[in-house]
Amino acid sequence: MTSQSRFETDQLRRLEEMRKSFDKLRAERIRAEGEVERLMRELEEARALAKAELGTDDEAQIQSLIEEAQVRNAKLAEEFGMALREVETRLRQLGDER
């Protein structure tokens, strides 16, 4: 039996290193595929929830609904602030009349 040449030994070492790298990459691919599957399920669940609650799962329509709600909330907050100021003014007037 002949001993392996230095070239063959180096080749075997490199192959072993590449096998380790390959195994690591394969494990990462499997993990990434699992993550993609999980995220796809979550996306589908979010779409179903959006459709049920908002009537749509279209991102542009949802953004429009959000903007409309923000405008409506700002208007209502301003109206509430005005009503509070009116009540405060009336209370001061009542206090002055006494």
PDB file of N, CA and C in Angstrom:
ATOM      1  N   MET A   1       0.831  -1.160   0.000  1.00  0.00           N
ATOM      2  CA  MET A   1       0.000   0.000   0.000  1.00  0.00           C
ATOM      3  C   MET A   1       0.890   1.242   0.000  1.00  0.00           C
ATOM      4  N   THR A   2       0.576   2.166  -0.873  1.00  0.00           N
ATOM      5  CA  THR A   2       1.410   3.360  -0.962  1.00  0.00           C
ATOM      6  C   THR A   2       0.799   4.460  -0.129  1.00  0.00           C
ATOM      7  N   SER A   3       1.648   5.258   0.407  1.00  0.00           N
ATOM      8  CA  SER A   3       1.143   6.371   1.214  1.00  0.00           C
ATOM      9  C   SER A   3       0.649   7.478   0.291  1.00  0.00           C
ATOM     10  N   GLN A   4      -0.258   8.252   0.826  1.00  0.00           N
ATOM     11  CA  GLN A   4      -0.825   9.337   0.035  1.00  0.00           C
ATOM     12  C   GLN A   4       0.206  10.434  -0.159  1.00  0.00           C
ATOM     13  N   SER A   5       0.161  11.006  -1.318  1.00  0.00           N
ATOM     14  CA  SER A   5       1.076  12.114  -1.579  1.00  0.00           C
ATOM     15  C   SER A   5       0.568  13.350  -0.855  1.00  0.00           C
ATOM     16  N   ARG A   6       1.425  14.304  -0.752  1.00  0.00           N
ATOM     17  CA  ARG A   6       1.057  15.566  -0.101  1.00  0.00           C
ATOM     18  C   ARG A   6      -0.124  16.200  -0.828  1.00  0.00           C
ATOM     19  N   PHE A   7      -0.130  16.133  -2.148  1.00  0.00           N
ATOM     20  CA  PHE A   7      -1.229  16.676  -2.949  1.00  0.00           C
ATOM     21  C   PHE A   7      -2.542  16.010  -2.581  1.00  0.00           C
ATOM     22  N   GLU A   8      -2.543  14.689  -2.489  1.00  0.00           N
ATOM     23  CA  GLU A   8      -3.768  13.946  -2.146  1.00  0.00           C
ATOM     24  C   GLU A   8      -4.235  14.290  -0.733  1.00  0.00           C
ATOM     25  N   THR A   9      -3.298  14.420   0.173  1.00  0.00           N
ATOM     26  CA  THR A   9      -3.633  14.778   1.547  1.00  0.00           C
ATOM     27  C   THR A   9      -4.259  16.167   1.594  1.00  0.00           C
ATOM     28  N   ASP A  10      -3.665  17.105   0.878  1.00  0.00           N
ATOM     29  CA  ASP A  10      -4.211  18.461   0.830  1.00  0.00           C
ATOM     30  C   ASP A  10      -5.607  18.464   0.206  1.00  0.00           C
ATOM     31  N   GLN A  11      -5.780  17.668  -0.836  1.00  0.00           N
ATOM     32  CA  GLN A  11      -7.084  17.584  -1.502  1.00  0.00           C
ATOM     33  C   GLN A  11      -8.139  17.020  -0.545  1.00  0.00           C
ATOM     34  N   LEU A  12      -7.794  15.988   0.181  1.00  0.00           N
ATOM     35  CA  LEU A  12      -8.725  15.397   1.137  1.00  0.00           C
ATOM     36  C   LEU A  12      -9.091  16.390   2.242  1.00  0.00           C
ATOM     37  N   ARG A  13      -8.107  17.129   2.709  1.00  0.00           N
ATOM     38  CA  ARG A  13      -8.363  18.145   3.725  1.00  0.00           C
ATOM     39  C   ARG A  13      -9.299  19.222   3.188  1.00  0.00           C
ATOM     40  N   ARG A  14      -9.040  19.678   1.979  1.00  0.00           N
ATOM     41  CA  ARG A  14      -9.906  20.697   1.368  1.00  0.00           C
ATOM     42  C   ARG A  14     -11.316  20.162   1.166  1.00  0.00           C
ATOM     43  N   LEU A  15     -11.431  18.902   0.738  1.00  0.00           N
ATOM     44  CA  LEU A  15     -12.750  18.299   0.556  1.00  0.00           C
ATOM     45  C   LEU A  15     -13.507  18.226   1.879  1.00  0.00           C
ATOM     46  N   GLU A  16     -12.817  17.875   2.934  1.00  0.00           N
ATOM     47  CA  GLU A  16     -13.451  17.801   4.255  1.00  0.00           C
ATOM     48  C   GLU A  16     -13.916  19.190   4.696  1.00  0.00           C
ATOM     49  N   GLU A  17     -13.102  20.206   4.471  1.00  0.00           N
ATOM     50  CA  GLU A  17     -13.500  21.575   4.800  1.00  0.00           C
ATOM     51  C   GLU A  17     -14.709  22.000   3.977  1.00  0.00           C
ATOM     52  N   MET A  18     -14.714  21.656   2.695  1.00  0.00           N
ATOM     53  CA  MET A  18     -15.847  22.007   1.841  1.00  0.00           C
ATOM     54  C   MET A  18     -17.105  21.258   2.271  1.00  0.00           C
ATOM     55  N   ARG A  19     -16.952  20.016   2.729  1.00  0.00           N
ATOM     56  CA  ARG A  19     -18.112  19.249   3.198  1.00  0.00           C
ATOM     57  C   ARG A  19     -18.714  19.921   4.426  1.00  0.00           C
ATOM     58  N   LYS A  20     -17.868  20.386   5.328  1.00  0.00           N
ATOM     59  CA  LYS A  20     -18.354  21.089   6.510  1.00  0.00           C
ATOM     60  C   LYS A  20     -19.089  22.367   6.109  1.00  0.00           C
ATOM     61  N   SER A  21     -18.526  23.098   5.165  1.00  0.00           N
ATOM     62  CA  SER A  21     -19.182  24.311   4.688  1.00  0.00           C
ATOM     63  C   SER A  21     -20.513  23.977   4.020  1.00  0.00           C
ATOM     64  N   PHE A  22     -20.519  22.919   3.224  1.00  0.00           N
ATOM     65  CA  PHE A  22     -21.743  22.489   2.558  1.00  0.00           C
ATOM     66  C   PHE A  22     -22.810  22.107   3.579  1.00  0.00           C
ATOM     67  N   ASP A  23     -22.436  21.354   4.588  1.00  0.00           N
ATOM     68  CA  ASP A  23     -23.396  20.958   5.622  1.00  0.00           C
ATOM     69  C   ASP A  23     -23.967  22.176   6.350  1.00  0.00           C
ATOM     70  N   LYS A  24     -23.097  23.139   6.624  1.00  0.00           N
ATOM     71  CA  LYS A  24     -23.550  24.357   7.293  1.00  0.00           C
ATOM     72  C   LYS A  24     -24.528  25.120   6.405  1.00  0.00           C
ATOM     73  N   LEU A  25     -24.202  25.244   5.124  1.00  0.00           N
ATOM     74  CA  LEU A  25     -25.082  25.942   4.194  1.00  0.00           C
ATOM     75  C   LEU A  25     -26.412  25.212   4.016  1.00  0.00           C
ATOM     76  N   ARG A  26     -26.374  23.893   3.995  1.00  0.00           N
ATOM     77  CA  ARG A  26     -27.601  23.112   3.857  1.00  0.00           C
ATOM     78  C   ARG A  26     -28.499  23.334   5.080  1.00  0.00           C
ATOM     79  N   ALA A  27     -27.896  23.354   6.260  1.00  0.00           N
ATOM     80  CA  ALA A  27     -28.672  23.602   7.479  1.00  0.00           C
ATOM     81  C   ALA A  27     -29.277  25.005   7.448  1.00  0.00           C
ATOM     82  N   GLU A  28     -28.513  25.987   6.977  1.00  0.00           N
ATOM     83  CA  GLU A  28     -29.018  27.356   6.863  1.00  0.00           C
ATOM     84  C   GLU A  28     -30.167  27.422   5.863  1.00  0.00           C
ATOM     85  N   ARG A  29     -30.061  26.709   4.755  1.00  0.00           N
ATOM     86  CA  ARG A  29     -31.119  26.693   3.744  1.00  0.00           C
ATOM     87  C   ARG A  29     -32.400  26.110   4.335  1.00  0.00           C
ATOM     88  N   ILE A  30     -32.266  25.019   5.072  1.00  0.00           N
ATOM     89  CA  ILE A  30     -33.429  24.387   5.696  1.00  0.00           C
ATOM     90  C   ILE A  30     -34.079  25.340   6.698  1.00  0.00           C
ATOM     91  N   ARG A  31     -33.255  26.023   7.488  1.00  0.00           N
ATOM     92  CA  ARG A  31     -33.769  26.993   8.451  1.00  0.00           C
ATOM     93  C   ARG A  31     -34.470  28.140   7.725  1.00  0.00           C
ATOM     94  N   ALA A  32     -33.851  28.632   6.660  1.00  0.00           N
ATOM     95  CA  ALA A  32     -34.433  29.742   5.904  1.00  0.00           C
ATOM     96  C   ALA A  32     -35.747  29.324   5.251  1.00  0.00           C
ATOM     97  N   GLU A  33     -35.819  28.124   4.733  1.00  0.00           N
ATOM     98  CA  GLU A  33     -37.061  27.644   4.129  1.00  0.00           C
ATOM     99  C   GLU A  33     -38.173  27.559   5.179  1.00  0.00           C
ATOM    100  N   GLY A  34     -37.825  27.092   6.359  1.00  0.00           N
ATOM    101  CA  GLY A  34     -38.801  27.039   7.445  1.00  0.00           C
ATOM    102  C   GLY A  34     -39.280  28.425   7.829  1.00  0.00           C
ATOM    103  N   GLU A  35     -38.366  29.381   7.859  1.00  0.00           N
ATOM    104  CA  GLU A  35     -38.701  30.764   8.188  1.00  0.00           C
ATOM    105  C   GLU A  35     -39.622  31.351   7.116  1.00  0.00           C
ATOM    106  N   VAL A  36     -39.323  31.073   5.856  1.00  0.00           N
ATOM    107  CA  VAL A  36     -40.166  31.566   4.759  1.00  0.00           C
ATOM    108  C   VAL A  36     -41.576  30.995   4.889  1.00  0.00           C
ATOM    109  N   GLU A  37     -41.681  29.713   5.178  1.00  0.00           N
ATOM    110  CA  GLU A  37     -42.997  29.080   5.346  1.00  0.00           C
ATOM    111  C   GLU A  37     -43.771  29.727   6.495  1.00  0.00           C
ATOM    112  N   ARG A  38     -43.093  29.965   7.612  1.00  0.00           N
ATOM    113  CA  ARG A  38     -43.736  30.595   8.770  1.00  0.00           C
ATOM    114  C   ARG A  38     -44.209  32.003   8.420  1.00  0.00           C
ATOM    115  N   LEU A  39     -43.354  32.766   7.752  1.00  0.00           N
ATOM    116  CA  LEU A  39     -43.707  34.131   7.396  1.00  0.00           C
ATOM    117  C   LEU A  39     -44.848  34.168   6.374  1.00  0.00           C
ATOM    118  N   MET A  40     -44.880  33.214   5.462  1.00  0.00           N
ATOM    119  CA  MET A  40     -45.982  33.146   4.497  1.00  0.00           C
ATOM    120  C   MET A  40     -47.306  32.862   5.211  1.00  0.00           C
ATOM    121  N   ARG A  41     -47.283  31.975   6.198  1.00  0.00           N
ATOM    122  CA  ARG A  41     -48.498  31.698   6.975  1.00  0.00           C
ATOM    123  C   ARG A  41     -48.954  32.956   7.712  1.00  0.00           C
ATOM    124  N   GLU A  42     -48.004  33.656   8.335  1.00  0.00           N
ATOM    125  CA  GLU A  42     -48.339  34.884   9.057  1.00  0.00           C
ATOM    126  C   GLU A  42     -48.909  35.933   8.110  1.00  0.00           C
ATOM    127  N   LEU A  43     -48.348  36.038   6.909  1.00  0.00           N
ATOM    128  CA  LEU A  43     -48.845  36.996   5.931  1.00  0.00           C
ATOM    129  C   LEU A  43     -50.273  36.658   5.527  1.00  0.00           C
ATOM    130  N   GLU A  44     -50.534  35.399   5.290  1.00  0.00           N
ATOM    131  CA  GLU A  44     -51.888  34.982   4.917  1.00  0.00           C
ATOM    132  C   GLU A  44     -52.877  35.247   6.054  1.00  0.00           C
ATOM    133  N   GLU A  45     -52.448  34.991   7.294  1.00  0.00           N
ATOM    134  CA  GLU A  45     -53.301  35.274   8.445  1.00  0.00           C
ATOM    135  C   GLU A  45     -53.574  36.777   8.560  1.00  0.00           C
ATOM    136  N   ALA A  46     -52.549  37.595   8.334  1.00  0.00           N
ATOM    137  CA  ALA A  46     -52.713  39.045   8.407  1.00  0.00           C
ATOM    138  C   ALA A  46     -53.639  39.538   7.303  1.00  0.00           C
ATOM    139  N   ARG A  47     -53.507  38.965   6.117  1.00  0.00           N
ATOM    140  CA  ARG A  47     -54.388  39.351   5.006  1.00  0.00           C
ATOM    141  C   ARG A  47     -55.838  38.987   5.323  1.00  0.00           C
ATOM    142  N   ALA A  48     -56.039  37.794   5.864  1.00  0.00           N
ATOM    143  CA  ALA A  48     -57.400  37.368   6.208  1.00  0.00           C
ATOM    144  C   ALA A  48     -57.981  38.282   7.284  1.00  0.00           C
ATOM    145  N   LEU A  49     -57.185  38.637   8.279  1.00  0.00           N
ATOM    146  CA  LEU A  49     -57.636  39.535   9.337  1.00  0.00           C
ATOM    147  C   LEU A  49     -57.973  40.917   8.778  1.00  0.00           C
ATOM    148  N   ALA A  50     -57.111  41.431   7.911  1.00  0.00           N
ATOM    149  CA  ALA A  50     -57.357  42.739   7.309  1.00  0.00           C
ATOM    150  C   ALA A  50     -58.638  42.715   6.489  1.00  0.00           C
ATOM    151  N   LYS A  51     -58.817  41.655   5.739  1.00  0.00           N
ATOM    152  CA  LYS A  51     -60.026  41.542   4.906  1.00  0.00           C
ATOM    153  C   LYS A  51     -61.276  41.486   5.789  1.00  0.00           C
ATOM    154  N   ALA A  52     -61.179  40.746   6.892  1.00  0.00           N
ATOM    155  CA  ALA A  52     -62.325  40.618   7.797  1.00  0.00           C
ATOM    156  C   ALA A  52     -62.628  41.937   8.508  1.00  0.00           C
ATOM    157  N   GLU A  53     -61.597  42.644   8.954  1.00  0.00           N
ATOM    158  CA  GLU A  53     -61.804  43.860   9.737  1.00  0.00           C
ATOM    159  C   GLU A  53     -61.953  45.120   8.891  1.00  0.00           C
ATOM    160  N   LEU A  54     -61.244  45.163   7.757  1.00  0.00           N
ATOM    161  CA  LEU A  54     -61.230  46.389   6.959  1.00  0.00           C
ATOM    162  C   LEU A  54     -61.921  46.237   5.613  1.00  0.00           C
ATOM    163  N   GLY A  55     -62.265  45.007   5.259  1.00  0.00           N
ATOM    164  CA  GLY A  55     -62.923  44.770   3.985  1.00  0.00           C
ATOM    165  C   GLY A  55     -61.975  44.674   2.811  1.00  0.00           C
ATOM    166  N   THR A  56     -60.679  44.765   3.071  1.00  0.00           N
ATOM    167  CA  THR A  56     -59.689  44.672   2.008  1.00  0.00           C
ATOM    168  C   THR A  56     -58.361  44.210   2.585  1.00  0.00           C
ATOM    169  N   ASP A  57     -57.547  43.623   1.706  1.00  0.00           N
ATOM    170  CA  ASP A  57     -56.184  43.291   2.111  1.00  0.00           C
ATOM    171  C   ASP A  57     -55.180  44.015   1.220  1.00  0.00           C
ATOM    172  N   ASP A  58     -55.691  44.984   0.440  1.00  0.00           N
ATOM    173  CA  ASP A  58     -54.836  45.770  -0.441  1.00  0.00           C
ATOM    174  C   ASP A  58     -54.106  46.837   0.374  1.00  0.00           C
ATOM    175  N   GLU A  59     -52.793  46.848   0.275  1.00  0.00           N
ATOM    176  CA  GLU A  59     -51.975  47.750   1.095  1.00  0.00           C
ATOM    177  C   GLU A  59     -52.300  49.220   0.828  1.00  0.00           C
ATOM    178  N   ALA A  60     -52.506  49.592  -0.435  1.00  0.00           N
ATOM    179  CA  ALA A  60     -52.803  50.988  -0.764  1.00  0.00           C
ATOM    180  C   ALA A  60     -54.155  51.400  -0.185  1.00  0.00           C
ATOM    181  N   GLN A  61     -55.137  50.515  -0.269  1.00  0.00           N
ATOM    182  CA  GLN A  61     -56.447  50.830   0.294  1.00  0.00           C
ATOM    183  C   GLN A  61     -56.382  50.947   1.811  1.00  0.00           C
ATOM    184  N   ILE A  62     -55.625  50.054   2.446  1.00  0.00           N
ATOM    185  CA  ILE A  62     -55.469  50.119   3.905  1.00  0.00           C
ATOM    186  C   ILE A  62     -54.782  51.420   4.300  1.00  0.00           C
ATOM    187  N   GLN A  63     -53.742  51.806   3.560  1.00  0.00           N
ATOM    188  CA  GLN A  63     -53.048  53.073   3.850  1.00  0.00           C
ATOM    189  C   GLN A  63     -54.012  54.244   3.713  1.00  0.00           C
ATOM    190  N   SER A  64     -54.854  54.208   2.709  1.00  0.00           N
ATOM    191  CA  SER A  64     -55.850  55.258   2.515  1.00  0.00           C
ATOM    192  C   SER A  64     -56.839  55.296   3.683  1.00  0.00           C
ATOM    193  N   LEU A  65     -57.281  54.119   4.128  1.00  0.00           N
ATOM    194  CA  LEU A  65     -58.181  54.057   5.287  1.00  0.00           C
ATOM    195  C   LEU A  65     -57.522  54.636   6.534  1.00  0.00           C
ATOM    196  N   ILE A  66     -56.249  54.338   6.720  1.00  0.00           N
ATOM    197  CA  ILE A  66     -55.507  54.861   7.876  1.00  0.00           C
ATOM    198  C   ILE A  66     -55.423  56.378   7.803  1.00  0.00           C
ATOM    199  N   GLU A  67     -55.100  56.900   6.627  1.00  0.00           N
ATOM    200  CA  GLU A  67     -54.991  58.354   6.473  1.00  0.00           C
ATOM    201  C   GLU A  67     -56.342  59.032   6.716  1.00  0.00           C
ATOM    202  N   GLU A  68     -57.408  58.440   6.200  1.00  0.00           N
ATOM    203  CA  GLU A  68     -58.743  58.993   6.434  1.00  0.00           C
ATOM    204  C   GLU A  68     -59.072  59.004   7.932  1.00  0.00           C
ATOM    205  N   ALA A  69     -58.729  57.922   8.621  1.00  0.00           N
ATOM    206  CA  ALA A  69     -58.993  57.839  10.058  1.00  0.00           C
ATOM    207  C   ALA A  69     -58.174  58.875  10.819  1.00  0.00           C
ATOM    208  N   GLN A  70     -56.935  59.107  10.393  1.00  0.00           N
ATOM    209  CA  GLN A  70     -56.107  60.109  11.064  1.00  0.00           C
ATOM    210  C   GLN A  70     -56.691  61.508  10.886  1.00  0.00           C
ATOM    211  N   VAL A  71     -57.166  61.811   9.679  1.00  0.00           N
ATOM    212  CA  VAL A  71     -57.780  63.115   9.431  1.00  0.00           C
ATOM    213  C   VAL A  71     -59.043  63.261  10.283  1.00  0.00           C
ATOM    214  N   ARG A  72     -59.855  62.213  10.299  1.00  0.00           N
ATOM    215  CA  ARG A  72     -61.095  62.230  11.092  1.00  0.00           C
ATOM    216  C   ARG A  72     -60.780  62.399  12.574  1.00  0.00           C
ATOM    217  N   ASN A  73     -59.785  61.683  13.071  1.00  0.00           N
ATOM    218  CA  ASN A  73     -59.412  61.791  14.489  1.00  0.00           C
ATOM    219  C   ASN A  73     -58.899  63.184  14.823  1.00  0.00           C
ATOM    220  N   ALA A  74     -58.107  63.764  13.930  1.00  0.00           N
ATOM    221  CA  ALA A  74     -57.595  65.115  14.170  1.00  0.00           C
ATOM    222  C   ALA A  74     -58.753  66.112  14.236  1.00  0.00           C
ATOM    223  N   LYS A  75     -59.731  65.963  13.337  1.00  0.00           N
ATOM    224  CA  LYS A  75     -60.897  66.851  13.330  1.00  0.00           C
ATOM    225  C   LYS A  75     -61.696  66.686  14.622  1.00  0.00           C
ATOM    226  N   LEU A  76     -61.925  65.440  15.027  1.00  0.00           N
ATOM    227  CA  LEU A  76     -62.684  65.188  16.262  1.00  0.00           C
ATOM    228  C   LEU A  76     -61.948  65.715  17.484  1.00  0.00           C
ATOM    229  N   ALA A  77     -60.627  65.574  17.508  1.00  0.00           N
ATOM    230  CA  ALA A  77     -59.842  66.087  18.637  1.00  0.00           C
ATOM    231  C   ALA A  77     -59.946  67.607  18.701  1.00  0.00           C
ATOM    232  N   GLU A  78     -59.898  68.251  17.544  1.00  0.00           N
ATOM    233  CA  GLU A  78     -60.028  69.705  17.511  1.00  0.00           C
ATOM    234  C   GLU A  78     -61.415  70.131  17.981  1.00  0.00           C
ATOM    235  N   GLU A  79     -62.453  69.441  17.532  1.00  0.00           N
ATOM    236  CA  GLU A  79     -63.816  69.755  17.961  1.00  0.00           C
ATOM    237  C   GLU A  79     -63.977  69.561  19.475  1.00  0.00           C
ATOM    238  N   PHE A  80     -63.372  68.497  19.999  1.00  0.00           N
ATOM    239  CA  PHE A  80     -63.446  68.244  21.440  1.00  0.00           C
ATOM    240  C   PHE A  80     -62.735  69.354  22.205  1.00  0.00           C
ATOM    241  N   GLY A  81     -61.589  69.772  21.701  1.00  0.00           N
ATOM    242  CA  GLY A  81     -60.858  70.862  22.341  1.00  0.00           C
ATOM    243  C   GLY A  81     -61.665  72.142  22.356  1.00  0.00           C
ATOM    244  N   MET A  82     -62.347  72.424  21.248  1.00  0.00           N
ATOM    245  CA  MET A  82     -63.194  73.617  21.184  1.00  0.00           C
ATOM    246  C   MET A  82     -64.338  73.509  22.181  1.00  0.00           C
ATOM    247  N   ALA A  83     -64.952  72.336  22.280  1.00  0.00           N
ATOM    248  CA  ALA A  83     -66.051  72.144  23.233  1.00  0.00           C
ATOM    249  C   ALA A  83     -65.560  72.335  24.660  1.00  0.00           C
ATOM    250  N   LEU A  84     -64.390  71.825  24.976  1.00  0.00           N
ATOM    251  CA  LEU A  84     -63.837  72.010  26.325  1.00  0.00           C
ATOM    252  C   LEU A  84     -63.590  73.486  26.619  1.00  0.00           C
ATOM    253  N   ARG A  85     -63.048  74.199  25.648  1.00  0.00           N
ATOM    254  CA  ARG A  85     -62.792  75.631  25.853  1.00  0.00           C
ATOM    255  C   ARG A  85     -64.112  76.382  26.075  1.00  0.00           C
ATOM    256  N   GLU A  86     -65.157  76.009  25.351  1.00  0.00           N
ATOM    257  CA  GLU A  86     -66.466  76.639  25.537  1.00  0.00           C
ATOM    258  C   GLU A  86     -67.002  76.375  26.937  1.00  0.00           C
ATOM    259  N   VAL A  87     -66.874  75.139  27.409  1.00  0.00           N
ATOM    260  CA  VAL A  87     -67.338  74.803  28.759  1.00  0.00           C
ATOM    261  C   VAL A  87     -66.550  75.604  29.785  1.00  0.00           C
ATOM    262  N   GLU A  88     -65.238  75.693  29.616  1.00  0.00           N
ATOM    263  CA  GLU A  88     -64.418  76.464  30.549  1.00  0.00           C
ATOM    264  C   GLU A  88     -64.835  77.936  30.551  1.00  0.00           C
ATOM    265  N   THR A  89     -65.095  78.460  29.370  1.00  0.00           N
ATOM    266  CA  THR A  89     -65.518  79.861  29.264  1.00  0.00           C
ATOM    267  C   THR A  89     -66.844  80.071  29.980  1.00  0.00           C
ATOM    268  N   ARG A  90     -67.804  79.190  29.760  1.00  0.00           N
ATOM    269  CA  ARG A  90     -69.111  79.299  30.422  1.00  0.00           C
ATOM    270  C   ARG A  90     -68.976  79.188  31.939  1.00  0.00           C
ATOM    271  N   LEU A  91     -68.119  78.275  32.381  1.00  0.00           N
ATOM    272  CA  LEU A  91     -67.916  78.127  33.829  1.00  0.00           C
ATOM    273  C   LEU A  91     -67.332  79.398  34.425  1.00  0.00           C
ATOM    274  N   ARG A  92     -66.383  80.024  33.726  1.00  0.00           N
ATOM    275  CA  ARG A  92     -65.800  81.276  34.215  1.00  0.00           C
ATOM    276  C   ARG A  92     -66.863  82.372  34.260  1.00  0.00           C
ATOM    277  N   GLN A  93     -67.725  82.389  33.231  1.00  0.00           N
ATOM    278  CA  GLN A  93     -68.786  83.394  33.203  1.00  0.00           C
ATOM    279  C   GLN A  93     -69.745  83.203  34.363  1.00  0.00           C
ATOM    280  N   LEU A  94     -70.078  81.951  34.640  1.00  0.00           N
ATOM    281  CA  LEU A  94     -70.969  81.654  35.770  1.00  0.00           C
ATOM    282  C   LEU A  94     -70.332  82.083  37.082  1.00  0.00           C
ATOM    283  N   GLY A  95     -69.043  81.840  37.178  1.00  0.00           N
ATOM    284  CA  GLY A  95     -68.326  82.232  38.402  1.00  0.00           C
ATOM    285  C   GLY A  95     -68.277  83.733  38.563  1.00  0.00           C
ATOM    286  N   ASP A  96     -68.138  84.448  37.458  1.00  0.00           N
ATOM    287  CA  ASP A  96     -68.100  85.914  37.509  1.00  0.00           C
ATOM    288  C   ASP A  96     -69.460  86.492  37.872  1.00  0.00           C
ATOM    289  N   GLU A  97     -70.552  85.815  37.496  1.00  0.00           N
ATOM    290  CA  GLU A  97     -71.898  86.322  37.781  1.00  0.00           C
ATOM    291  C   GLU A  97     -72.253  86.232  39.255  1.00  0.00           C
ATOM    292  N   ARG A  98     -71.568  85.415  39.992  1.00  0.00           N
ATOM    293  CA  ARG A  98     -71.885  85.252  41.425  1.00  0.00           C
ATOM    294  C   ARG A  98     -71.334  86.327  42.190  1.00  0.00           C
TER     295      ARG A  98
END
